[in-house]
Amino acid sequence: MSHTLHPLRRQRLQRSELAVPASNPTMIDKAATGPADYIFLDLEDAVAPPEKEQARKNAIQALNDIDWAAAGKTVSVRINGLDTHYMYRDVVDVMEQAGDRVHTLLVPKVGVPGDLYMVEAMVNQIEQGRGFTTRVGLEALIETALGMANVEAIAQFGGRLEALHFGVADYAASMRARTTNIGGLNPHYPGDQWHSAISRMVIACRAYGLRAIDGPFGDFSDPEGYKEGARRAAALGCDGKWAIHPSQVTLANDVFSPPESEVTKARRIIEELRKAEAEGRGAAALDGKMIDAASERMARNVLVLADAIAGN
């Protein structure tokens, strides 16, 4: 094991992340009582330009009026892109008026570490100026060719950064990929065309202590397609996946929750290895298969998630 280690910067349960347009207060209220682990109030793509200012006001009101912690939710706000004139007002107004209520800001279309530096500097100054004792985290959307080309450098940013998200729709557009179904697969590609991108992002996350979140699946009338995408993301190491419709939330929770049989096996692995350790052995056997220290690390990952779900 390298002497250089980057432990997880912030543990948060993030199996399902429901995207809610902040232009729709009714949807925000429903999200607060739903089963999603994470809610992000969207000021960006889901909001038309004429509605941006009102959506920002709605988000601030919802942050202040709803007891998100009591509802067992982590709440985030997706600000507008740094290339728009909406972004600075999003950060200033949300932070000044609800900076002690929001948990994270989701920064879209991050291309270089400097994009995060700009947002972080603003958040730092507002927290200091307002005397907030809470600490708002940052999450970055990797959804352009530039962002993916720099994903390792972005992951190393440090500071408030907690997670990277794979934004498949804008990534497909940026790559000029031959697909029009958000998160879906091109039937002419022999396999999963998003495998390489998601895998690269997950590697960067795990190397530098970040959570890894898969993005949207646009066809909410296709639950099997959503689950297949979620299973692929989970197999690659993602912690959770977006839901763009409430019906997708339970699907994400199911896929990213370890089944009871897996939790039981994880506990058995640790028990058998403790017995082996007491006998001076570094490895053991369980159900006809060898287990060792690496098996224990995998088992503990399962148990940490199971404990987080139980405590939510």
Protein backbone atom coordinates (compact mmCIF):
# COMPACT_ATOMS: atom_id res chain seq x y z
CA MET A 1 0.00 0.00 0.00
CA SER A 2 1.33 3.42 -0.92
CA HIS A 3 2.24 5.76 1.91
CA THR A 4 0.13 8.38 0.08
CA LEU A 5 -3.50 7.84 0.99
CA HIS A 6 -6.58 10.01 0.44
CA PRO A 7 -9.41 8.87 2.75
CA LEU A 8 -13.00 9.62 1.89
CA ARG A 9 -13.49 13.35 2.43
CA ARG A 10 -17.13 13.18 3.46
CA GLN A 11 -19.42 10.17 3.97
CA ARG A 12 -22.95 10.81 2.76
CA LEU A 13 -25.65 8.33 1.79
CA GLN A 14 -26.25 9.06 -1.90
CA ARG A 15 -27.84 5.97 -3.46
CA SER A 16 -30.54 8.06 -5.12
CA GLU A 17 -30.34 11.72 -6.06
CA LEU A 18 -33.60 13.25 -7.19
CA ALA A 19 -33.34 16.18 -9.58
CA VAL A 20 -36.04 18.76 -8.85
CA PRO A 21 -36.53 21.90 -10.97
CA ALA A 22 -36.55 24.81 -8.54
CA SER A 23 -39.11 26.51 -10.76
CA ASN A 24 -41.72 24.06 -9.40
CA PRO A 25 -42.38 24.50 -5.64
CA THR A 26 -44.93 21.66 -5.60
CA MET A 27 -42.31 19.20 -6.79
CA ILE A 28 -39.89 20.46 -4.12
CA ASP A 29 -42.43 19.84 -1.36
CA LYS A 30 -43.10 16.31 -2.62
CA ALA A 31 -39.39 15.54 -2.86
CA ALA A 32 -38.89 16.44 0.80
CA THR A 33 -41.25 13.66 1.89
CA GLY A 34 -40.15 11.07 -0.69
CA PRO A 35 -37.65 8.21 -0.39
CA ALA A 36 -34.64 9.84 -2.10
CA ASP A 37 -31.43 10.07 -0.08
CA TYR A 38 -30.35 13.25 -1.83
CA ILE A 39 -32.28 16.11 -3.41
CA PHE A 40 -30.80 18.67 -5.73
CA LEU A 41 -32.77 21.80 -6.46
CA ASP A 42 -31.95 22.61 -10.06
CA LEU A 43 -31.32 26.17 -11.19
CA GLU A 44 -29.61 25.12 -14.42
CA ASP A 45 -30.81 22.91 -17.29
CA ALA A 46 -34.31 22.19 -15.96
CA VAL A 47 -35.13 25.89 -15.67
CA ALA A 48 -35.89 28.11 -18.68
CA PRO A 49 -34.06 31.48 -18.79
CA PRO A 50 -37.17 33.57 -18.04
CA GLU A 51 -37.72 31.52 -14.86
CA LYS A 52 -34.16 31.61 -13.50
CA GLU A 53 -34.63 34.39 -10.96
CA GLN A 54 -37.89 33.00 -9.59
CA ALA A 55 -36.40 29.51 -9.41
CA ARG A 56 -33.54 30.89 -7.32
CA LYS A 57 -36.02 32.52 -4.94
CA ASN A 58 -38.01 29.27 -4.73
CA ALA A 59 -34.88 27.30 -3.88
CA ILE A 60 -33.90 29.72 -1.12
CA GLN A 61 -37.39 29.63 0.36
CA ALA A 62 -37.45 25.83 0.27
CA LEU A 63 -34.04 25.62 1.93
CA ASN A 64 -35.24 27.82 4.76
CA ASP A 65 -38.79 26.52 5.15
CA ILE A 66 -38.22 22.75 4.98
CA ASP A 67 -36.39 20.86 7.72
CA TRP A 68 -34.31 18.73 5.37
CA ALA A 69 -32.26 17.14 8.13
CA ALA A 70 -35.38 16.01 9.98
CA ALA A 71 -36.62 14.52 6.71
CA GLY A 72 -33.39 12.52 6.46
CA LYS A 73 -32.32 14.31 3.27
CA THR A 74 -29.13 15.84 2.04
CA VAL A 75 -30.06 18.88 -0.02
CA SER A 76 -27.99 20.40 -2.80
CA VAL A 77 -28.42 23.23 -5.29
CA ARG A 78 -27.20 22.93 -8.85
CA ILE A 79 -26.05 26.40 -9.81
CA ASN A 80 -25.82 27.67 -13.35
CA GLY A 81 -22.63 27.31 -15.35
CA LEU A 82 -19.64 29.58 -14.93
CA ASP A 83 -20.09 30.69 -18.54
CA THR A 84 -23.46 32.31 -17.73
CA HIS A 85 -24.37 35.53 -15.95
CA TYR A 86 -26.72 33.62 -13.63
CA MET A 87 -23.97 31.76 -11.78
CA TYR A 88 -22.57 34.51 -9.52
CA ARG A 89 -26.04 35.52 -8.36
CA ASP A 90 -26.90 31.87 -7.68
CA VAL A 91 -23.91 31.50 -5.36
CA VAL A 92 -24.30 34.89 -3.68
CA ASP A 93 -28.05 34.69 -3.05
CA VAL A 94 -28.19 31.02 -2.04
CA MET A 95 -25.18 31.33 0.27
CA GLU A 96 -26.11 34.68 1.82
CA GLN A 97 -29.75 33.77 2.39
CA ALA A 98 -29.54 30.02 3.04
CA GLY A 99 -25.86 29.19 3.42
CA ASP A 100 -26.45 27.54 6.78
CA ARG A 101 -29.23 25.35 5.36
CA VAL A 102 -27.81 23.95 2.11
CA HIS A 103 -25.42 21.01 2.28
CA THR A 104 -23.66 21.20 -1.08
CA LEU A 105 -23.51 23.18 -4.30
CA LEU A 106 -23.38 21.16 -7.51
CA VAL A 107 -21.20 22.89 -10.09
CA PRO A 108 -22.07 21.98 -13.70
CA LYS A 109 -19.73 21.45 -16.65
CA VAL A 110 -16.53 21.66 -14.64
CA GLY A 111 -13.67 21.66 -17.13
CA VAL A 112 -10.60 22.63 -15.11
CA PRO A 113 -9.77 22.86 -11.37
CA GLY A 114 -9.95 26.65 -11.59
CA ASP A 115 -13.71 26.41 -12.10
CA LEU A 116 -14.02 24.98 -8.60
CA TYR A 117 -11.55 27.52 -7.22
CA MET A 118 -13.83 30.35 -8.33
CA VAL A 119 -16.89 28.91 -6.60
CA GLU A 120 -14.92 27.93 -3.50
CA ALA A 121 -13.51 31.43 -3.09
CA MET A 122 -17.01 32.92 -3.21
CA VAL A 123 -18.39 30.37 -0.75
CA ASN A 124 -15.48 30.92 1.64
CA GLN A 125 -15.97 34.68 1.71
CA ILE A 126 -19.73 34.51 2.18
CA GLU A 127 -19.48 31.99 5.01
CA GLN A 128 -16.92 34.17 6.74
CA GLY A 129 -18.87 37.34 6.14
CA ARG A 130 -22.12 35.85 7.43
CA GLY A 131 -20.47 34.07 10.33
CA PHE A 132 -21.84 30.67 9.32
CA THR A 133 -20.36 27.79 11.31
CA THR A 134 -21.62 25.20 8.84
CA ARG A 135 -19.47 24.21 5.88
CA VAL A 136 -21.06 23.86 2.45
CA GLY A 137 -19.50 21.18 0.26
CA LEU A 138 -18.94 21.28 -3.49
CA GLU A 139 -19.74 18.60 -6.04
CA ALA A 140 -18.59 18.71 -9.66
CA LEU A 141 -20.37 17.55 -12.78
CA ILE A 142 -18.02 15.92 -15.29
CA GLU A 143 -20.01 16.33 -18.48
CA THR A 144 -17.69 17.65 -21.16
CA ALA A 145 -14.70 16.31 -23.06
CA LEU A 146 -12.56 18.94 -21.31
CA GLY A 147 -13.79 17.86 -17.89
CA MET A 148 -13.07 14.21 -18.60
CA ALA A 149 -9.63 15.05 -20.01
CA ASN A 150 -8.88 16.83 -16.71
CA VAL A 151 -10.84 14.58 -14.34
CA GLU A 152 -7.81 13.50 -12.32
CA ALA A 153 -6.69 17.10 -11.78
CA ILE A 154 -10.25 18.11 -10.84
CA ALA A 155 -10.46 15.25 -8.33
CA GLN A 156 -7.22 16.46 -6.74
CA PHE A 157 -8.63 19.96 -6.17
CA GLY A 158 -9.25 19.33 -2.48
CA GLY A 159 -10.95 22.10 -0.52
CA ARG A 160 -14.68 21.56 -0.24
CA LEU A 161 -14.95 19.06 -3.10
CA GLU A 162 -16.81 15.91 -2.03
CA ALA A 163 -18.08 14.15 -5.15
CA LEU A 164 -17.95 13.88 -8.92
CA HIS A 165 -21.04 13.20 -11.04
CA PHE A 166 -21.10 11.82 -14.58
CA GLY A 167 -23.38 14.01 -16.68
CA VAL A 168 -24.05 11.68 -19.56
CA ALA A 169 -26.29 13.95 -21.66
CA ASP A 170 -23.95 16.92 -22.04
CA TYR A 171 -21.00 14.52 -22.21
CA ALA A 172 -22.60 12.76 -25.18
CA ALA A 173 -23.19 16.11 -26.86
CA SER A 174 -19.64 17.26 -26.14
CA MET A 175 -18.24 14.02 -27.56
CA ARG A 176 -20.64 14.13 -30.54
CA ALA A 177 -21.67 10.61 -29.58
CA ARG A 178 -24.28 8.99 -31.78
CA THR A 179 -27.13 8.81 -29.31
CA THR A 180 -30.21 10.86 -28.47
CA ASN A 181 -31.55 8.87 -25.49
CA ILE A 182 -30.11 10.35 -22.29
CA GLY A 183 -28.07 7.64 -20.59
CA GLY A 184 -29.21 5.01 -23.06
CA LEU A 185 -26.98 2.86 -25.22
CA ASN A 186 -26.50 2.99 -28.96
CA PRO A 187 -27.58 -0.44 -30.24
CA HIS A 188 -24.85 -0.27 -32.88
CA TYR A 189 -22.11 -0.12 -30.24
CA PRO A 190 -21.05 -3.61 -29.09
CA GLY A 191 -21.22 -3.01 -25.35
CA ASP A 192 -21.57 -0.10 -22.93
CA GLN A 193 -20.38 3.09 -24.60
CA TRP A 194 -20.23 4.90 -21.22
CA HIS A 195 -18.06 2.28 -19.52
CA SER A 196 -14.72 3.96 -20.16
CA ALA A 197 -15.86 7.42 -19.05
CA ILE A 198 -17.58 6.26 -15.86
CA SER A 199 -14.67 3.99 -14.99
CA ARG A 200 -12.16 6.80 -15.43
CA MET A 201 -14.21 9.13 -13.21
CA VAL A 202 -14.63 6.46 -10.52
CA ILE A 203 -10.89 5.77 -10.50
CA ALA A 204 -10.23 9.48 -9.95
CA CYS A 205 -12.81 9.56 -7.16
CA ARG A 206 -11.41 6.56 -5.33
CA ALA A 207 -7.84 7.77 -5.70
CA TYR A 208 -8.61 11.14 -4.09
CA GLY A 209 -11.36 10.39 -1.58
CA LEU A 210 -14.50 11.45 -3.43
CA ARG A 211 -17.94 9.93 -3.85
CA ALA A 212 -18.80 8.85 -7.41
CA ILE A 213 -22.33 9.39 -8.72
CA ASP A 214 -23.81 8.28 -12.04
CA GLY A 215 -26.05 10.73 -13.84
CA PRO A 216 -29.49 10.59 -15.45
CA PHE A 217 -31.40 8.04 -17.48
CA GLY A 218 -33.89 9.99 -19.52
CA ASP A 219 -36.54 7.41 -20.37
CA PHE A 220 -38.52 7.21 -17.13
CA SER A 221 -41.03 4.90 -18.85
CA ASP A 222 -38.29 2.23 -19.05
CA PRO A 223 -37.57 1.02 -15.49
CA GLU A 224 -35.59 -1.99 -16.74
CA GLY A 225 -33.34 0.26 -18.79
CA TYR A 226 -32.78 2.43 -15.74
CA LYS A 227 -31.94 -0.55 -13.54
CA GLU A 228 -29.52 -1.94 -16.11
CA GLY A 229 -27.72 1.41 -16.21
CA ALA A 230 -27.67 1.57 -12.41
CA ARG A 231 -26.30 -1.97 -12.14
CA ARG A 232 -23.50 -1.16 -14.59
CA ALA A 233 -22.62 1.97 -12.60
CA ALA A 234 -22.69 0.05 -9.31
CA ALA A 235 -20.47 -2.67 -10.77
CA LEU A 236 -17.92 0.01 -11.69
CA GLY A 237 -17.95 1.43 -8.16
CA CYS A 238 -20.46 4.29 -8.22
CA ASP A 239 -22.19 5.16 -4.93
CA GLY A 240 -25.51 6.09 -6.50
CA LYS A 241 -27.39 7.46 -9.47
CA TRP A 242 -29.60 10.39 -10.37
CA ALA A 243 -33.36 10.08 -10.62
CA ILE A 244 -35.06 12.52 -12.96
CA HIS A 245 -38.49 11.17 -12.01
CA PRO A 246 -39.78 10.04 -8.60
CA SER A 247 -40.42 6.54 -9.99
CA GLN A 248 -36.68 6.07 -10.44
CA VAL A 249 -35.80 6.74 -6.79
CA THR A 250 -36.78 3.34 -5.40
CA LEU A 251 -35.01 1.66 -8.34
CA ALA A 252 -31.77 3.43 -7.42
CA ASN A 253 -32.18 2.67 -3.73
CA ASP A 254 -32.67 -1.01 -4.49
CA VAL A 255 -29.70 -1.32 -6.84
CA PHE A 256 -27.26 0.56 -4.61
CA SER A 257 -28.32 -1.13 -1.35
CA PRO A 258 -26.48 -4.36 -0.49
CA PRO A 259 -28.91 -7.28 -0.13
CA GLU A 260 -29.15 -8.87 3.30
CA SER A 261 -27.34 -11.97 2.03
CA GLU A 262 -24.38 -9.79 1.04
CA VAL A 263 -24.33 -8.08 4.43
CA THR A 264 -24.46 -11.43 6.22
CA LYS A 265 -21.59 -12.76 4.11
CA ALA A 266 -19.53 -9.64 4.83
CA ARG A 267 -19.95 -10.21 8.58
CA ARG A 268 -18.98 -13.87 8.16
CA ILE A 269 -15.85 -12.91 6.23
CA ILE A 270 -14.67 -10.69 9.06
CA GLU A 271 -15.50 -13.33 11.68
CA GLU A 272 -13.56 -16.03 9.82
CA LEU A 273 -10.56 -13.76 9.32
CA ARG A 274 -10.51 -12.88 13.04
CA LYS A 275 -10.44 -16.60 13.82
CA ALA A 276 -7.62 -17.13 11.31
CA GLU A 277 -5.72 -14.20 12.81
CA ALA A 278 -5.98 -15.71 16.28
CA GLU A 279 -4.44 -18.88 14.87
CA GLY A 280 -1.61 -16.98 13.21
CA ARG A 281 -2.97 -17.27 9.67
CA GLY A 282 -3.41 -14.36 7.24
CA ALA A 283 -5.95 -16.11 5.04
CA ALA A 284 -8.96 -18.35 5.58
CA ALA A 285 -11.62 -20.20 3.64
CA LEU A 286 -15.33 -19.46 3.48
CA ASP A 287 -17.82 -21.49 1.48
CA GLY A 288 -14.98 -23.14 -0.42
CA LYS A 289 -13.29 -19.87 -1.39
CA MET A 290 -10.15 -18.22 -0.11
CA ILE A 291 -10.54 -14.95 1.80
CA ASP A 292 -7.78 -12.61 2.95
CA ALA A 293 -7.12 -8.98 3.89
CA ALA A 294 -8.47 -7.73 0.55
CA SER A 295 -11.68 -9.67 1.22
CA GLU A 296 -12.00 -7.87 4.54
CA ARG A 297 -11.61 -4.47 2.90
CA MET A 298 -14.39 -5.31 0.43
CA ALA A 299 -16.56 -6.64 3.25
CA ARG A 300 -16.10 -3.50 5.32
CA ASN A 301 -17.24 -1.38 2.35
CA VAL A 302 -20.50 -3.33 2.39
CA LEU A 303 -20.94 -2.94 6.13
CA VAL A 304 -20.26 0.81 6.12
CA LEU A 305 -23.00 1.24 3.51
CA ALA A 306 -25.39 -1.05 5.37
CA ASP A 307 -24.85 0.89 8.59
CA ALA A 308 -25.42 4.21 6.79
CA ILE A 309 -28.70 2.93 5.35
CA ALA A 310 -29.81 1.62 8.75
CA GLY A 311 -29.05 4.97 10.37
CA ASN A 312 -30.82 7.08 7.73
